[in-house]
Amino acid sequence: MAEALQLPGHIVTPSRFTFDPVEALGLTLAWFRTPGDQFELSLLYHRSQSAISEIVNWIITFVNNSWKQLLDFDHEHLLSPSNLEQYVKAIHS
C-alpha cells in the first residue's frame, strides 16, 4: 500500500523523526484504529507520542496533497445533506 500511495522511501518529519514508508503507514493506520490513545500506541510501537503525532499528520497531508482528486466527494448528490439524513435514518432503523 505504501508503494501504491507513492510514499517516499525515507520520511523525515519537521522535528526530525525518521520513518520508512511501511512503518509510517502502519502507525497511521493504527492511529486511525485507536485515535484517542496515542500513549497506548507509543507503548506498542516504541515511538514517542510526538513522533506518532507528527508522522500521522505527515501521512495525512501527503495523501491529501497527492491524491486529493480521488478524495473529493460529491457533496451535491451522493453526500448531500438530504441524502445523509436518509442514510442516518436507514442505519438507525
N, C-alpha and C. Protein backbone atom coordinates (compact mmCIF):
# COMPACT_ATOMS: atom_id res chain seq x y z
N MET A 1 0.83 -1.18 0.00
CA MET A 1 0.00 0.00 0.00
C MET A 1 0.88 1.26 0.00
N ALA A 2 1.98 1.22 0.75
CA ALA A 2 2.90 2.36 0.77
C ALA A 2 3.42 2.64 -0.64
N GLU A 3 3.70 1.60 -1.39
CA GLU A 3 4.18 1.76 -2.76
C GLU A 3 3.07 2.33 -3.65
N ALA A 4 1.86 1.82 -3.48
CA ALA A 4 0.74 2.30 -4.29
C ALA A 4 0.46 3.78 -4.03
N LEU A 5 0.63 4.21 -2.79
CA LEU A 5 0.43 5.62 -2.45
C LEU A 5 1.62 6.49 -2.85
N GLN A 6 2.69 5.84 -3.31
CA GLN A 6 3.91 6.52 -3.74
C GLN A 6 4.56 7.32 -2.61
N LEU A 7 4.57 6.70 -1.41
CA LEU A 7 5.25 7.34 -0.28
C LEU A 7 6.75 7.33 -0.56
N PRO A 8 7.45 8.37 -0.15
CA PRO A 8 8.90 8.37 -0.36
C PRO A 8 9.59 7.27 0.44
N GLY A 9 10.76 6.87 0.03
CA GLY A 9 11.49 5.78 0.68
C GLY A 9 12.01 6.10 2.06
N HIS A 10 12.10 7.37 2.38
CA HIS A 10 12.61 7.80 3.68
C HIS A 10 11.85 9.07 4.05
N ILE A 11 11.19 9.08 5.18
CA ILE A 11 10.37 10.22 5.59
C ILE A 11 10.99 10.85 6.83
N VAL A 12 11.16 12.16 6.79
CA VAL A 12 11.65 12.92 7.94
C VAL A 12 10.60 13.97 8.28
N THR A 13 10.12 13.95 9.52
CA THR A 13 9.10 14.91 9.96
C THR A 13 9.77 16.24 10.31
N PRO A 14 8.97 17.29 10.54
CA PRO A 14 9.54 18.59 10.89
C PRO A 14 10.46 18.56 12.13
N SER A 15 10.19 17.67 13.07
CA SER A 15 11.05 17.58 14.26
C SER A 15 12.17 16.55 14.10
N ARG A 16 12.39 16.11 12.87
CA ARG A 16 13.48 15.21 12.51
C ARG A 16 13.29 13.76 12.95
N PHE A 17 12.04 13.33 13.17
CA PHE A 17 11.78 11.91 13.38
C PHE A 17 11.86 11.26 12.00
N THR A 18 12.49 10.10 11.92
CA THR A 18 12.62 9.43 10.63
C THR A 18 11.83 8.13 10.61
N PHE A 19 11.26 7.84 9.47
CA PHE A 19 10.43 6.65 9.28
C PHE A 19 10.65 6.08 7.90
N ASP A 20 10.55 4.77 7.80
CA ASP A 20 10.44 4.19 6.47
C ASP A 20 8.95 4.21 6.12
N PRO A 21 8.59 4.10 4.86
CA PRO A 21 7.19 4.29 4.47
C PRO A 21 6.24 3.25 5.06
N VAL A 22 6.67 2.01 5.21
CA VAL A 22 5.78 0.97 5.76
C VAL A 22 5.47 1.26 7.22
N GLU A 23 6.49 1.62 8.00
CA GLU A 23 6.25 1.96 9.41
C GLU A 23 5.35 3.18 9.52
N ALA A 24 5.60 4.19 8.70
CA ALA A 24 4.80 5.41 8.74
C ALA A 24 3.34 5.12 8.44
N LEU A 25 3.09 4.34 7.41
CA LEU A 25 1.72 4.00 7.05
C LEU A 25 1.09 3.10 8.12
N GLY A 26 1.86 2.16 8.64
CA GLY A 26 1.35 1.28 9.69
C GLY A 26 0.95 2.05 10.94
N LEU A 27 1.77 3.01 11.35
CA LEU A 27 1.43 3.83 12.52
C LEU A 27 0.19 4.68 12.25
N THR A 28 0.08 5.18 11.03
CA THR A 28 -1.10 5.99 10.69
C THR A 28 -2.36 5.14 10.74
N LEU A 29 -2.31 3.95 10.19
CA LEU A 29 -3.48 3.07 10.21
C LEU A 29 -3.81 2.64 11.64
N ALA A 30 -2.79 2.39 12.45
CA ALA A 30 -3.02 2.04 13.86
C ALA A 30 -3.65 3.22 14.58
N TRP A 31 -3.21 4.42 14.26
CA TRP A 31 -3.79 5.63 14.88
C TRP A 31 -5.26 5.78 14.51
N PHE A 32 -5.60 5.52 13.24
CA PHE A 32 -7.00 5.59 12.82
C PHE A 32 -7.85 4.56 13.58
N ARG A 33 -7.26 3.44 13.89
CA ARG A 33 -8.00 2.41 14.61
C ARG A 33 -8.25 2.82 16.05
N THR A 34 -7.30 3.51 16.69
CA THR A 34 -7.44 3.93 18.09
C THR A 34 -6.98 5.38 18.25
N PRO A 35 -7.67 6.33 17.62
CA PRO A 35 -7.18 7.71 17.63
C PRO A 35 -7.16 8.39 19.00
N GLY A 36 -7.88 7.86 19.95
CA GLY A 36 -7.95 8.52 21.25
C GLY A 36 -6.80 8.19 22.17
N ASP A 37 -5.97 7.21 21.86
CA ASP A 37 -4.97 6.76 22.81
C ASP A 37 -3.59 6.62 22.19
N GLN A 38 -2.91 7.75 22.01
CA GLN A 38 -1.56 7.71 21.46
C GLN A 38 -0.58 7.10 22.45
N PHE A 39 -0.87 7.19 23.73
CA PHE A 39 0.02 6.59 24.72
C PHE A 39 0.10 5.09 24.51
N GLU A 40 -1.04 4.47 24.28
CA GLU A 40 -1.06 3.03 24.02
C GLU A 40 -0.25 2.69 22.77
N LEU A 41 -0.41 3.49 21.73
CA LEU A 41 0.36 3.27 20.50
C LEU A 41 1.86 3.44 20.76
N SER A 42 2.21 4.42 21.56
CA SER A 42 3.64 4.63 21.84
C SER A 42 4.24 3.44 22.58
N LEU A 43 3.47 2.82 23.45
CA LEU A 43 3.95 1.62 24.15
C LEU A 43 4.05 0.43 23.20
N LEU A 44 3.06 0.27 22.36
CA LEU A 44 3.04 -0.87 21.43
C LEU A 44 4.14 -0.80 20.38
N TYR A 45 4.40 0.39 19.87
CA TYR A 45 5.30 0.53 18.72
C TYR A 45 6.63 1.21 19.05
N HIS A 46 6.86 1.47 20.31
CA HIS A 46 8.15 2.00 20.77
C HIS A 46 8.54 3.30 20.06
N ARG A 47 7.57 4.17 19.91
CA ARG A 47 7.79 5.50 19.35
C ARG A 47 7.14 6.50 20.30
N SER A 48 7.70 7.69 20.40
CA SER A 48 7.12 8.71 21.28
C SER A 48 5.78 9.17 20.72
N GLN A 49 4.95 9.70 21.62
CA GLN A 49 3.66 10.21 21.18
C GLN A 49 3.83 11.34 20.17
N SER A 50 4.84 12.17 20.36
CA SER A 50 5.05 13.27 19.43
C SER A 50 5.49 12.76 18.06
N ALA A 51 6.31 11.70 18.03
CA ALA A 51 6.72 11.12 16.75
C ALA A 51 5.51 10.54 16.03
N ILE A 52 4.65 9.85 16.76
CA ILE A 52 3.45 9.27 16.15
C ILE A 52 2.55 10.37 15.63
N SER A 53 2.36 11.39 16.42
CA SER A 53 1.51 12.51 16.01
C SER A 53 2.04 13.16 14.74
N GLU A 54 3.35 13.40 14.69
CA GLU A 54 3.93 14.04 13.51
C GLU A 54 3.84 13.17 12.27
N ILE A 55 4.09 11.88 12.41
CA ILE A 55 4.05 11.03 11.21
C ILE A 55 2.62 10.87 10.71
N VAL A 56 1.66 10.78 11.61
CA VAL A 56 0.26 10.70 11.20
C VAL A 56 -0.12 11.97 10.43
N ASN A 57 0.24 13.13 10.97
CA ASN A 57 -0.06 14.38 10.27
C ASN A 57 0.66 14.45 8.93
N TRP A 58 1.90 13.98 8.88
CA TRP A 58 2.66 13.99 7.64
C TRP A 58 1.99 13.12 6.59
N ILE A 59 1.62 11.89 6.98
CA ILE A 59 0.99 10.95 6.03
C ILE A 59 -0.35 11.49 5.55
N ILE A 60 -1.16 12.00 6.45
CA ILE A 60 -2.46 12.54 6.06
C ILE A 60 -2.30 13.70 5.08
N THR A 61 -1.37 14.59 5.37
CA THR A 61 -1.12 15.73 4.47
C THR A 61 -0.60 15.24 3.12
N PHE A 62 0.32 14.29 3.13
CA PHE A 62 0.87 13.74 1.88
C PHE A 62 -0.24 13.11 1.03
N VAL A 63 -1.04 12.26 1.64
CA VAL A 63 -2.12 11.59 0.89
C VAL A 63 -3.11 12.61 0.36
N ASN A 64 -3.47 13.58 1.19
CA ASN A 64 -4.41 14.61 0.76
C ASN A 64 -3.85 15.41 -0.42
N ASN A 65 -2.60 15.81 -0.32
CA ASN A 65 -2.00 16.60 -1.40
C ASN A 65 -1.76 15.77 -2.67
N SER A 66 -1.40 14.52 -2.51
CA SER A 66 -1.08 13.68 -3.67
C SER A 66 -2.29 13.08 -4.35
N TRP A 67 -3.33 12.82 -3.58
CA TRP A 67 -4.46 12.07 -4.10
C TRP A 67 -5.80 12.80 -3.92
N LYS A 68 -5.75 14.12 -3.77
CA LYS A 68 -6.98 14.86 -3.48
C LYS A 68 -8.06 14.67 -4.55
N GLN A 69 -7.65 14.43 -5.79
CA GLN A 69 -8.65 14.23 -6.84
C GLN A 69 -9.49 12.98 -6.58
N LEU A 70 -8.95 12.01 -5.87
CA LEU A 70 -9.70 10.79 -5.54
C LEU A 70 -10.47 10.93 -4.23
N LEU A 71 -10.13 11.93 -3.44
CA LEU A 71 -10.75 12.11 -2.13
C LEU A 71 -11.87 13.15 -2.15
N ASP A 72 -12.06 13.80 -3.29
CA ASP A 72 -13.09 14.82 -3.40
C ASP A 72 -14.45 14.15 -3.56
N PHE A 73 -15.32 14.36 -2.59
CA PHE A 73 -16.62 13.70 -2.59
C PHE A 73 -17.68 14.54 -3.27
N ASP A 74 -18.71 13.89 -3.71
CA ASP A 74 -19.85 14.52 -4.37
C ASP A 74 -20.79 15.07 -3.29
N HIS A 75 -20.57 16.33 -2.90
CA HIS A 75 -21.35 16.94 -1.83
C HIS A 75 -22.75 17.37 -2.28
N GLU A 76 -22.98 17.40 -3.56
CA GLU A 76 -24.27 17.88 -4.05
C GLU A 76 -25.27 16.75 -4.31
N HIS A 77 -24.78 15.54 -4.49
CA HIS A 77 -25.69 14.46 -4.82
C HIS A 77 -25.59 13.32 -3.80
N LEU A 78 -24.61 12.45 -3.97
CA LEU A 78 -24.47 11.28 -3.11
C LEU A 78 -24.34 11.64 -1.64
N LEU A 79 -23.59 12.69 -1.32
CA LEU A 79 -23.39 13.08 0.08
C LEU A 79 -24.06 14.41 0.41
N SER A 80 -25.16 14.69 -0.24
CA SER A 80 -25.90 15.92 0.06
C SER A 80 -26.53 15.80 1.45
N PRO A 81 -26.81 16.92 2.11
CA PRO A 81 -27.41 16.86 3.45
C PRO A 81 -28.70 16.03 3.50
N SER A 82 -29.54 16.14 2.47
CA SER A 82 -30.80 15.37 2.49
C SER A 82 -30.52 13.87 2.36
N ASN A 83 -29.57 13.50 1.52
CA ASN A 83 -29.21 12.08 1.40
C ASN A 83 -28.55 11.56 2.67
N LEU A 84 -27.72 12.38 3.31
CA LEU A 84 -27.09 11.97 4.57
C LEU A 84 -28.15 11.70 5.63
N GLU A 85 -29.19 12.51 5.66
CA GLU A 85 -30.30 12.27 6.60
C GLU A 85 -30.96 10.92 6.33
N GLN A 86 -31.16 10.61 5.06
CA GLN A 86 -31.76 9.32 4.70
C GLN A 86 -30.85 8.17 5.13
N TYR A 87 -29.55 8.32 4.95
CA TYR A 87 -28.60 7.27 5.34
C TYR A 87 -28.65 7.05 6.85
N VAL A 88 -28.71 8.16 7.59
CA VAL A 88 -28.77 8.05 9.07
C VAL A 88 -30.03 7.32 9.50
N LYS A 89 -31.15 7.66 8.89
CA LYS A 89 -32.42 7.00 9.24
C LYS A 89 -32.36 5.52 8.90
N ALA A 90 -31.79 5.18 7.76
CA ALA A 90 -31.69 3.78 7.37
C ALA A 90 -30.79 3.00 8.33
N ILE A 91 -29.67 3.58 8.72
CA ILE A 91 -28.76 2.91 9.65
C ILE A 91 -29.41 2.78 11.01
N HIS A 92 -30.09 3.82 11.43
CA HIS A 92 -30.76 3.78 12.74
C HIS A 92 -31.84 2.71 12.79
N SER A 93 -32.54 2.56 11.68
CA SER A 93 -33.61 1.55 11.60
C SER A 93 -33.01 0.16 11.64
